[in-house]
Amino acid sequence: MNPHFMFNAMNSIRALIIENPEKSQTSITKLSNLLRSTLLADKHTTVALEEELKTVQDYLALEKIRFEDRLQVAIKIDPSTLYVQVPPLMVQTLVENAVKHGISKSVKGGIIAIETKNESRFTHIFIRNTGMLQPSSSEGFGLANTSQRLALLFGKQASFEIKQELPDVVCAELIIPMEFAGELKSVLT
Protein backbone atom coordinates (compact mmCIF):
# COMPACT_ATOMS: atom_id res chain seq x y z
CA MET A 1 0.00 0.00 0.00
CA ASN A 2 1.27 3.41 -0.93
CA PRO A 3 2.56 5.27 2.17
CA HIS A 4 1.28 8.56 0.69
CA PHE A 5 -2.23 7.11 0.81
CA MET A 6 -1.81 6.41 4.54
CA PHE A 7 -0.74 9.99 5.28
CA ASN A 8 -3.50 11.41 3.09
CA ALA A 9 -6.10 9.20 4.78
CA MET A 10 -4.96 10.18 8.26
CA ASN A 11 -4.97 13.88 7.36
CA SER A 12 -8.46 13.55 5.84
CA ILE A 13 -9.73 11.83 8.99
CA ARG A 14 -8.07 14.45 11.20
CA ALA A 15 -9.94 17.17 9.30
CA LEU A 16 -13.24 15.35 9.96
CA ILE A 17 -12.83 14.97 13.72
CA ILE A 18 -14.44 18.31 14.62
CA GLU A 19 -16.65 18.66 11.55
CA ASN A 20 -18.15 15.15 11.60
CA PRO A 21 -17.03 13.00 14.56
CA GLU A 22 -19.22 10.04 13.60
CA LYS A 23 -17.82 9.92 10.04
CA SER A 24 -14.26 10.23 11.41
CA GLN A 25 -14.87 7.21 13.68
CA THR A 26 -16.22 5.19 10.76
CA SER A 27 -13.22 6.25 8.67
CA ILE A 28 -10.78 5.13 11.35
CA THR A 29 -12.49 1.72 11.32
CA LYS A 30 -12.14 1.56 7.54
CA LEU A 31 -8.45 2.49 7.77
CA SER A 32 -7.96 -0.17 10.43
CA ASN A 33 -9.69 -2.76 8.21
CA LEU A 34 -7.46 -1.78 5.32
CA LEU A 35 -4.30 -2.09 7.42
CA ARG A 36 -5.45 -5.49 8.70
CA SER A 37 -6.03 -6.69 5.14
CA THR A 38 -2.55 -5.53 4.19
CA LEU A 39 -0.97 -7.37 7.11
CA LEU A 40 -2.89 -10.59 6.39
CA ALA A 41 -2.21 -10.53 2.64
CA ASP A 42 1.11 -12.38 3.02
CA LYS A 43 -0.59 -15.19 4.94
CA HIS A 44 -2.93 -16.19 2.08
CA THR A 45 -2.29 -17.18 -1.50
CA THR A 46 -5.83 -16.23 -2.48
CA VAL A 47 -8.95 -14.72 -0.91
CA ALA A 48 -12.58 -14.77 -1.95
CA LEU A 49 -13.42 -11.87 -4.25
CA GLU A 50 -16.06 -10.87 -1.70
CA GLU A 51 -13.32 -10.22 0.90
CA GLU A 52 -11.17 -8.37 -1.62
CA LEU A 53 -14.12 -6.13 -2.52
CA LYS A 54 -14.63 -5.22 1.15
CA THR A 55 -11.03 -4.00 1.20
CA VAL A 56 -11.58 -2.07 -2.03
CA GLN A 57 -14.73 -0.43 -0.64
CA ASP A 58 -12.90 0.62 2.54
CA TYR A 59 -10.11 2.09 0.40
CA LEU A 60 -12.54 3.97 -1.85
CA ALA A 61 -14.50 5.32 1.13
CA LEU A 62 -11.28 6.83 2.49
CA GLU A 63 -10.34 8.30 -0.87
CA LYS A 64 -13.86 9.74 -1.19
CA ILE A 65 -13.16 11.83 1.92
CA ARG A 66 -10.06 13.24 0.26
CA PHE A 67 -11.44 13.79 -3.24
CA GLU A 68 -15.06 14.53 -2.25
CA ASP A 69 -17.17 15.15 -5.38
CA ARG A 70 -14.15 14.66 -7.64
CA LEU A 71 -14.37 10.89 -7.04
CA GLN A 72 -17.46 9.00 -8.17
CA VAL A 73 -17.72 5.26 -7.65
CA ALA A 74 -19.86 2.71 -9.50
CA ILE A 75 -19.80 -0.95 -8.49
CA LYS A 76 -21.64 -3.69 -10.38
CA ILE A 77 -20.88 -7.12 -8.96
CA ASP A 78 -22.32 -10.35 -10.31
CA PRO A 79 -23.18 -12.33 -7.14
CA SER A 80 -21.94 -15.54 -8.78
CA THR A 81 -18.39 -14.10 -8.75
CA LEU A 82 -18.16 -13.45 -5.00
CA TYR A 83 -16.50 -16.77 -4.07
CA VAL A 84 -13.97 -16.79 -6.89
CA GLN A 85 -10.44 -16.84 -5.51
CA VAL A 86 -8.19 -13.87 -6.32
CA PRO A 87 -4.71 -12.92 -5.12
CA PRO A 88 -5.02 -10.72 -2.02
CA LEU A 89 -4.87 -6.97 -2.65
CA MET A 90 -4.63 -7.41 -6.42
CA VAL A 91 -7.93 -5.68 -7.19
CA GLN A 92 -7.27 -3.10 -4.47
CA THR A 93 -3.88 -2.26 -5.99
CA LEU A 94 -5.43 -1.80 -9.44
CA VAL A 95 -8.09 0.48 -7.94
CA GLU A 96 -5.37 2.42 -6.11
CA ASN A 97 -3.51 2.85 -9.41
CA ALA A 98 -6.73 4.04 -11.08
CA VAL A 99 -7.13 6.72 -8.43
CA LYS A 100 -3.45 7.72 -8.53
CA HIS A 101 -3.02 7.81 -12.32
CA GLY A 102 -6.56 8.77 -13.31
CA ILE A 103 -8.69 10.61 -10.79
CA SER A 104 -5.95 12.54 -8.99
CA LYS A 105 -4.53 13.85 -12.29
CA SER A 106 -7.82 15.41 -13.39
CA VAL A 107 -9.02 18.75 -12.02
CA LYS A 108 -12.61 17.60 -12.54
CA GLY A 109 -11.92 14.17 -11.07
CA GLY A 110 -13.80 11.24 -12.51
CA ILE A 111 -15.21 7.82 -11.91
CA ILE A 112 -13.90 4.48 -10.75
CA ALA A 113 -16.16 1.68 -12.00
CA ILE A 114 -15.71 -1.91 -10.84
CA GLU A 115 -17.60 -4.68 -12.59
CA THR A 116 -17.46 -8.46 -12.36
CA LYS A 117 -19.09 -11.14 -14.46
CA ASN A 118 -18.73 -14.82 -15.24
CA GLU A 119 -18.32 -16.07 -18.78
CA SER A 120 -17.88 -19.77 -19.40
CA ARG A 121 -15.39 -20.97 -16.77
CA PHE A 122 -13.81 -17.58 -16.12
CA THR A 123 -14.47 -14.55 -13.97
CA HIS A 124 -13.81 -11.17 -15.55
CA ILE A 125 -13.00 -8.28 -13.24
CA PHE A 126 -13.00 -4.83 -14.82
CA ILE A 127 -11.59 -1.71 -13.16
CA ARG A 128 -12.35 1.36 -15.25
CA ASN A 129 -11.31 4.90 -14.53
CA THR A 130 -11.47 8.31 -16.07
CA GLY A 131 -8.09 9.12 -17.57
CA MET A 132 -5.51 8.50 -20.23
CA LEU A 133 -3.17 5.53 -20.27
CA GLN A 134 0.39 6.77 -20.30
CA PRO A 135 2.73 4.70 -22.52
CA SER A 136 5.08 3.94 -19.64
CA SER A 137 2.23 3.07 -17.24
CA SER A 138 1.20 -0.01 -19.24
CA GLU A 139 4.70 -1.43 -18.76
CA GLY A 140 5.30 -0.59 -15.10
CA PHE A 141 6.67 -2.86 -12.37
CA GLY A 142 3.32 -3.16 -10.59
CA LEU A 143 1.54 -4.26 -13.75
CA ALA A 144 4.26 -6.81 -14.54
CA ASN A 145 3.94 -8.05 -10.97
CA THR A 146 0.18 -8.47 -11.46
CA SER A 147 0.73 -10.63 -14.53
CA GLN A 148 3.42 -12.69 -12.77
CA ARG A 149 1.26 -13.32 -9.70
CA LEU A 150 -1.62 -14.50 -11.88
CA ALA A 151 0.68 -16.79 -13.88
CA LEU A 152 2.15 -18.33 -10.72
CA LEU A 153 -1.29 -19.07 -9.26
CA PHE A 154 -3.34 -19.98 -12.33
CA GLY A 155 -0.86 -20.59 -15.14
CA LYS A 156 -1.96 -19.60 -18.61
CA GLN A 157 -5.63 -19.78 -17.61
CA ALA A 158 -5.49 -16.29 -16.07
CA SER A 159 -4.64 -13.03 -17.77
CA PHE A 160 -4.33 -9.31 -17.18
CA GLU A 161 -4.65 -6.45 -19.63
CA ILE A 162 -4.77 -2.69 -19.31
CA LYS A 163 -5.90 -0.58 -22.25
CA GLN A 164 -7.38 2.73 -23.32
CA GLU A 165 -10.98 1.55 -23.76
CA LEU A 166 -12.44 4.93 -24.73
CA PRO A 167 -10.75 8.30 -25.33
CA ASP A 168 -11.13 9.18 -21.64
CA VAL A 169 -11.52 5.72 -20.03
CA VAL A 170 -8.77 3.31 -19.02
CA CYS A 171 -9.77 -0.30 -18.36
CA ALA A 172 -7.81 -2.92 -16.43
CA GLU A 173 -9.20 -6.44 -16.86
CA LEU A 174 -8.38 -9.52 -14.84
CA ILE A 175 -9.51 -12.91 -16.15
CA ILE A 176 -9.39 -15.64 -13.52
CA PRO A 177 -10.52 -19.29 -13.72
CA MET A 178 -13.48 -20.18 -11.49
CA GLU A 179 -12.24 -23.70 -10.63
CA PHE A 180 -12.51 -23.62 -6.83
CA ALA A 181 -15.33 -21.13 -6.35
CA GLY A 182 -18.07 -23.73 -5.76
CA GLU A 183 -15.99 -25.80 -3.33
CA LEU A 184 -15.13 -22.73 -1.27
CA LYS A 185 -18.73 -21.53 -1.24
CA SER A 186 -19.96 -24.85 0.17
CA VAL A 187 -17.33 -24.70 2.94
CA LEU A 188 -18.25 -21.11 3.86
CA THR A 189 -22.03 -21.61 3.96
C-alpha atoms as a PDB file:
ATOM      1  CA  MET A   1       0.000   0.000   0.000  1.00  0.00           C
ATOM      2  CA  ASN A   2       1.268   3.408  -0.930  1.00  0.00           C
ATOM      3  CA  PRO A   3       2.555   5.274   2.167  1.00  0.00           C
ATOM      4  CA  HIS A   4       1.276   8.557   0.693  1.00  0.00           C
ATOM      5  CA  PHE A   5      -2.231   7.111   0.810  1.00  0.00           C
ATOM      6  CA  MET A   6      -1.813   6.413   4.544  1.00  0.00           C
ATOM      7  CA  PHE A   7      -0.742   9.991   5.275  1.00  0.00           C
ATOM      8  CA  ASN A   8      -3.504  11.414   3.090  1.00  0.00           C
ATOM      9  CA  ALA A   9      -6.104   9.202   4.779  1.00  0.00           C
ATOM     10  CA  MET A  10      -4.957  10.183   8.260  1.00  0.00           C
ATOM     11  CA  ASN A  11      -4.974  13.883   7.356  1.00  0.00           C
ATOM     12  CA  SER A  12      -8.460  13.553   5.844  1.00  0.00           C
ATOM     13  CA  ILE A  13      -9.729  11.827   8.989  1.00  0.00           C
ATOM     14  CA  ARG A  14      -8.072  14.448  11.200  1.00  0.00           C
ATOM     15  CA  ALA A  15      -9.939  17.168   9.305  1.00  0.00           C
ATOM     16  CA  LEU A  16     -13.237  15.353   9.961  1.00  0.00           C
ATOM     17  CA  ILE A  17     -12.832  14.974  13.723  1.00  0.00           C
ATOM     18  CA  ILE A  18     -14.442  18.309  14.624  1.00  0.00           C
ATOM     19  CA  GLU A  19     -16.651  18.662  11.546  1.00  0.00           C
ATOM     20  CA  ASN A  20     -18.149  15.154  11.598  1.00  0.00           C
ATOM     21  CA  PRO A  21     -17.029  12.997  14.561  1.00  0.00           C
ATOM     22  CA  GLU A  22     -19.217  10.037  13.596  1.00  0.00           C
ATOM     23  CA  LYS A  23     -17.818   9.920  10.045  1.00  0.00           C
ATOM     24  CA  SER A  24     -14.262  10.233  11.410  1.00  0.00           C
ATOM     25  CA  GLN A  25     -14.867   7.210  13.684  1.00  0.00           C
ATOM     26  CA  THR A  26     -16.223   5.190  10.762  1.00  0.00           C
ATOM     27  CA  SER A  27     -13.224   6.253   8.672  1.00  0.00           C
ATOM     28  CA  ILE A  28     -10.775   5.129  11.353  1.00  0.00           C
ATOM     29  CA  THR A  29     -12.486   1.723  11.321  1.00  0.00           C
ATOM     30  CA  LYS A  30     -12.140   1.555   7.536  1.00  0.00           C
ATOM     31  CA  LEU A  31      -8.453   2.489   7.766  1.00  0.00           C
ATOM     32  CA  SER A  32      -7.960  -0.165  10.432  1.00  0.00           C
ATOM     33  CA  ASN A  33      -9.691  -2.761   8.215  1.00  0.00           C
ATOM     34  CA  LEU A  34      -7.458  -1.784   5.323  1.00  0.00           C
ATOM     35  CA  LEU A  35      -4.304  -2.086   7.415  1.00  0.00           C
ATOM     36  CA  ARG A  36      -5.453  -5.491   8.702  1.00  0.00           C
ATOM     37  CA  SER A  37      -6.029  -6.689   5.137  1.00  0.00           C
ATOM     38  CA  THR A  38      -2.547  -5.532   4.193  1.00  0.00           C
ATOM     39  CA  LEU A  39      -0.966  -7.374   7.113  1.00  0.00           C
ATOM     40  CA  LEU A  40      -2.892 -10.586   6.390  1.00  0.00           C
ATOM     41  CA  ALA A  41      -2.208 -10.535   2.644  1.00  0.00           C
ATOM     42  CA  ASP A  42       1.108 -12.381   3.023  1.00  0.00           C
ATOM     43  CA  LYS A  43      -0.594 -15.192   4.936  1.00  0.00           C
ATOM     44  CA  HIS A  44      -2.928 -16.189   2.081  1.00  0.00           C
ATOM     45  CA  THR A  45      -2.294 -17.180  -1.501  1.00  0.00           C
ATOM     46  CA  THR A  46      -5.832 -16.229  -2.479  1.00  0.00           C
ATOM     47  CA  VAL A  47      -8.946 -14.718  -0.909  1.00  0.00           C
ATOM     48  CA  ALA A  48     -12.581 -14.768  -1.954  1.00  0.00           C
ATOM     49  CA  LEU A  49     -13.422 -11.868  -4.249  1.00  0.00           C
ATOM     50  CA  GLU A  50     -16.062 -10.869  -1.696  1.00  0.00           C
ATOM     51  CA  GLU A  51     -13.323 -10.221   0.900  1.00  0.00           C
ATOM     52  CA  GLU A  52     -11.173  -8.370  -1.624  1.00  0.00           C
ATOM     53  CA  LEU A  53     -14.117  -6.132  -2.517  1.00  0.00           C
ATOM     54  CA  LYS A  54     -14.627  -5.220   1.145  1.00  0.00           C
ATOM     55  CA  THR A  55     -11.027  -4.000   1.203  1.00  0.00           C
ATOM     56  CA  VAL A  56     -11.582  -2.070  -2.027  1.00  0.00           C
ATOM     57  CA  GLN A  57     -14.726  -0.433  -0.643  1.00  0.00           C
ATOM     58  CA  ASP A  58     -12.901   0.625   2.536  1.00  0.00           C
ATOM     59  CA  TYR A  59     -10.109   2.087   0.396  1.00  0.00           C
ATOM     60  CA  LEU A  60     -12.540   3.973  -1.848  1.00  0.00           C
ATOM     61  CA  ALA A  61     -14.500   5.317   1.125  1.00  0.00           C
ATOM     62  CA  LEU A  62     -11.281   6.831   2.492  1.00  0.00           C
ATOM     63  CA  GLU A  63     -10.337   8.297  -0.875  1.00  0.00           C
ATOM     64  CA  LYS A  64     -13.860   9.741  -1.193  1.00  0.00           C
ATOM     65  CA  ILE A  65     -13.157  11.832   1.922  1.00  0.00           C
ATOM     66  CA  ARG A  66     -10.057  13.239   0.256  1.00  0.00           C
ATOM     67  CA  PHE A  67     -11.443  13.794  -3.241  1.00  0.00           C
ATOM     68  CA  GLU A  68     -15.060  14.533  -2.247  1.00  0.00           C
ATOM     69  CA  ASP A  69     -17.166  15.147  -5.382  1.00  0.00           C
ATOM     70  CA  ARG A  70     -14.151  14.656  -7.638  1.00  0.00           C
ATOM     71  CA  LEU A  71     -14.372  10.886  -7.039  1.00  0.00           C
ATOM     72  CA  GLN A  72     -17.457   9.003  -8.173  1.00  0.00           C
ATOM     73  CA  VAL A  73     -17.723   5.260  -7.652  1.00  0.00           C
ATOM     74  CA  ALA A  74     -19.860   2.712  -9.503  1.00  0.00           C
ATOM     75  CA  ILE A  75     -19.802  -0.945  -8.490  1.00  0.00           C
ATOM     76  CA  LYS A  76     -21.641  -3.689 -10.379  1.00  0.00           C
ATOM     77  CA  ILE A  77     -20.882  -7.122  -8.959  1.00  0.00           C
ATOM     78  CA  ASP A  78     -22.321 -10.353 -10.312  1.00  0.00           C
ATOM     79  CA  PRO A  79     -23.180 -12.333  -7.137  1.00  0.00           C
ATOM     80  CA  SER A  80     -21.940 -15.542  -8.780  1.00  0.00           C
ATOM     81  CA  THR A  81     -18.394 -14.099  -8.754  1.00  0.00           C
ATOM     82  CA  LEU A  82     -18.160 -13.453  -4.999  1.00  0.00           C
ATOM     83  CA  TYR A  83     -16.497 -16.765  -4.070  1.00  0.00           C
ATOM     84  CA  VAL A  84     -13.965 -16.794  -6.887  1.00  0.00           C
ATOM     85  CA  GLN A  85     -10.438 -16.839  -5.514  1.00  0.00           C
ATOM     86  CA  VAL A  86      -8.191 -13.874  -6.315  1.00  0.00           C
ATOM     87  CA  PRO A  87      -4.708 -12.920  -5.124  1.00  0.00           C
ATOM     88  CA  PRO A  88      -5.020 -10.722  -2.017  1.00  0.00           C
ATOM     89  CA  LEU A  89      -4.866  -6.969  -2.646  1.00  0.00           C
ATOM     90  CA  MET A  90      -4.628  -7.414  -6.420  1.00  0.00           C
ATOM     91  CA  VAL A  91      -7.927  -5.684  -7.190  1.00  0.00           C
ATOM     92  CA  GLN A  92      -7.267  -3.102  -4.466  1.00  0.00           C
ATOM     93  CA  THR A  93      -3.879  -2.264  -5.989  1.00  0.00           C
ATOM     94  CA  LEU A  94      -5.429  -1.798  -9.437  1.00  0.00           C
ATOM     95  CA  VAL A  95      -8.091   0.484  -7.944  1.00  0.00           C
ATOM     96  CA  GLU A  96      -5.372   2.422  -6.108  1.00  0.00           C
ATOM     97  CA  ASN A  97      -3.510   2.854  -9.412  1.00  0.00           C
ATOM     98  CA  ALA A  98      -6.731   4.039 -11.078  1.00  0.00           C
ATOM     99  CA  VAL A  99      -7.128   6.724  -8.427  1.00  0.00           C
ATOM    100  CA  LYS A 100      -3.453   7.723  -8.529  1.00  0.00           C
ATOM    101  CA  HIS A 101      -3.016   7.809 -12.318  1.00  0.00           C
ATOM    102  CA  GLY A 102      -6.555   8.774 -13.312  1.00  0.00           C
ATOM    103  CA  ILE A 103      -8.693  10.608 -10.785  1.00  0.00           C
ATOM    104  CA  SER A 104      -5.950  12.538  -8.993  1.00  0.00           C
ATOM    105  CA  LYS A 105      -4.532  13.850 -12.291  1.00  0.00           C
ATOM    106  CA  SER A 106      -7.825  15.413 -13.386  1.00  0.00           C
ATOM    107  CA  VAL A 107      -9.016  18.749 -12.017  1.00  0.00           C
ATOM    108  CA  LYS A 108     -12.605  17.600 -12.536  1.00  0.00           C
ATOM    109  CA  GLY A 109     -11.916  14.167 -11.066  1.00  0.00           C
ATOM    110  CA  GLY A 110     -13.798  11.240 -12.510  1.00  0.00           C
ATOM    111  CA  ILE A 111     -15.210   7.819 -11.910  1.00  0.00           C
ATOM    112  CA  ILE A 112     -13.900   4.482 -10.752  1.00  0.00           C
ATOM    113  CA  ALA A 113     -16.159   1.683 -11.997  1.00  0.00           C
ATOM    114  CA  ILE A 114     -15.710  -1.905 -10.840  1.00  0.00           C
ATOM    115  CA  GLU A 115     -17.598  -4.681 -12.588  1.00  0.00           C
ATOM    116  CA  THR A 116     -17.459  -8.464 -12.357  1.00  0.00           C
ATOM    117  CA  LYS A 117     -19.088 -11.141 -14.457  1.00  0.00           C
ATOM    118  CA  ASN A 118     -18.734 -14.820 -15.239  1.00  0.00           C
ATOM    119  CA  GLU A 119     -18.324 -16.067 -18.779  1.00  0.00           C
ATOM    120  CA  SER A 120     -17.880 -19.775 -19.397  1.00  0.00           C
ATOM    121  CA  ARG A 121     -15.388 -20.968 -16.768  1.00  0.00           C
ATOM    122  CA  PHE A 122     -13.809 -17.580 -16.119  1.00  0.00           C
ATOM    123  CA  THR A 123     -14.469 -14.548 -13.973  1.00  0.00           C
ATOM    124  CA  HIS A 124     -13.809 -11.170 -15.548  1.00  0.00           C
ATOM    125  CA  ILE A 125     -12.999  -8.279 -13.241  1.00  0.00           C
ATOM    126  CA  PHE A 126     -12.996  -4.826 -14.818  1.00  0.00           C
ATOM    127  CA  ILE A 127     -11.593  -1.711 -13.164  1.00  0.00           C
ATOM    128  CA  ARG A 128     -12.353   1.359 -15.254  1.00  0.00           C
ATOM    129  CA  ASN A 129     -11.312   4.904 -14.529  1.00  0.00           C
ATOM    130  CA  THR A 130     -11.466   8.311 -16.074  1.00  0.00           C
ATOM    131  CA  GLY A 131      -8.092   9.117 -17.574  1.00  0.00           C
ATOM    132  CA  MET A 132      -5.505   8.502 -20.230  1.00  0.00           C
ATOM    133  CA  LEU A 133      -3.171   5.531 -20.269  1.00  0.00           C
ATOM    134  CA  GLN A 134       0.394   6.768 -20.301  1.00  0.00           C
ATOM    135  CA  PRO A 135       2.731   4.699 -22.518  1.00  0.00           C
ATOM    136  CA  SER A 136       5.084   3.936 -19.645  1.00  0.00           C
ATOM    137  CA  SER A 137       2.230   3.068 -17.244  1.00  0.00           C
ATOM    138  CA  SER A 138       1.200  -0.009 -19.244  1.00  0.00           C
ATOM    139  CA  GLU A 139       4.699  -1.429 -18.756  1.00  0.00           C
ATOM    140  CA  GLY A 140       5.300  -0.589 -15.098  1.00  0.00           C
ATOM    141  CA  PHE A 141       6.669  -2.855 -12.373  1.00  0.00           C
ATOM    142  CA  GLY A 142       3.316  -3.157 -10.594  1.00  0.00           C
ATOM    143  CA  LEU A 143       1.544  -4.261 -13.751  1.00  0.00           C
ATOM    144  CA  ALA A 144       4.262  -6.805 -14.540  1.00  0.00           C
ATOM    145  CA  ASN A 145       3.940  -8.052 -10.967  1.00  0.00           C
ATOM    146  CA  THR A 146       0.176  -8.465 -11.465  1.00  0.00           C
ATOM    147  CA  SER A 147       0.732 -10.634 -14.535  1.00  0.00           C
ATOM    148  CA  GLN A 148       3.422 -12.688 -12.772  1.00  0.00           C
ATOM    149  CA  ARG A 149       1.264 -13.324  -9.697  1.00  0.00           C
ATOM    150  CA  LEU A 150      -1.616 -14.501 -11.877  1.00  0.00           C
ATOM    151  CA  ALA A 151       0.685 -16.791 -13.881  1.00  0.00           C
ATOM    152  CA  LEU A 152       2.145 -18.332 -10.716  1.00  0.00           C
ATOM    153  CA  LEU A 153      -1.285 -19.074  -9.264  1.00  0.00           C
ATOM    154  CA  PHE A 154      -3.339 -19.977 -12.328  1.00  0.00           C
ATOM    155  CA  GLY A 155      -0.857 -20.585 -15.141  1.00  0.00           C
ATOM    156  CA  LYS A 156      -1.957 -19.603 -18.612  1.00  0.00           C
ATOM    157  CA  GLN A 157      -5.631 -19.776 -17.605  1.00  0.00           C
ATOM    158  CA  ALA A 158      -5.489 -16.285 -16.074  1.00  0.00           C
ATOM    159  CA  SER A 159      -4.643 -13.029 -17.768  1.00  0.00           C
ATOM    160  CA  PHE A 160      -4.330  -9.309 -17.177  1.00  0.00           C
ATOM    161  CA  GLU A 161      -4.647  -6.453 -19.628  1.00  0.00           C
ATOM    162  CA  ILE A 162      -4.767  -2.693 -19.309  1.00  0.00           C
ATOM    163  CA  LYS A 163      -5.901  -0.583 -22.248  1.00  0.00           C
ATOM    164  CA  GLN A 164      -7.383   2.728 -23.318  1.00  0.00           C
ATOM    165  CA  GLU A 165     -10.975   1.549 -23.757  1.00  0.00           C
ATOM    166  CA  LEU A 166     -12.436   4.933 -24.729  1.00  0.00           C
ATOM    167  CA  PRO A 167     -10.751   8.299 -25.327  1.00  0.00           C
ATOM    168  CA  ASP A 168     -11.126   9.182 -21.641  1.00  0.00           C
ATOM    169  CA  VAL A 169     -11.523   5.717 -20.031  1.00  0.00           C
ATOM    170  CA  VAL A 170      -8.768   3.311 -19.019  1.00  0.00           C
ATOM    171  CA  CYS A 171      -9.765  -0.302 -18.357  1.00  0.00           C
ATOM    172  CA  ALA A 172      -7.807  -2.916 -16.426  1.00  0.00           C
ATOM    173  CA  GLU A 173      -9.199  -6.437 -16.865  1.00  0.00           C
ATOM    174  CA  LEU A 174      -8.375  -9.524 -14.843  1.00  0.00           C
ATOM    175  CA  ILE A 175      -9.508 -12.912 -16.147  1.00  0.00           C
ATOM    176  CA  ILE A 176      -9.393 -15.644 -13.520  1.00  0.00           C
ATOM    177  CA  PRO A 177     -10.521 -19.286 -13.723  1.00  0.00           C
ATOM    178  CA  MET A 178     -13.476 -20.177 -11.495  1.00  0.00           C
ATOM    179  CA  GLU A 179     -12.236 -23.701 -10.629  1.00  0.00           C
ATOM    180  CA  PHE A 180     -12.507 -23.615  -6.835  1.00  0.00           C
ATOM    181  CA  ALA A 181     -15.334 -21.135  -6.352  1.00  0.00           C
ATOM    182  CA  GLY A 182     -18.074 -23.731  -5.764  1.00  0.00           C
ATOM    183  CA  GLU A 183     -15.985 -25.797  -3.331  1.00  0.00           C
ATOM    184  CA  LEU A 184     -15.134 -22.733  -1.274  1.00  0.00           C
ATOM    185  CA  LYS A 185     -18.733 -21.533  -1.242  1.00  0.00           C
ATOM    186  CA  SER A 186     -19.956 -24.849   0.174  1.00  0.00           C
ATOM    187  CA  VAL A 187     -17.331 -24.704   2.940  1.00  0.00           C
ATOM    188  CA  LEU A 188     -18.252 -21.114   3.860  1.00  0.00           C
ATOM    189  CA  THR A 189     -22.025 -21.608   3.962  1.00  0.00           C
END
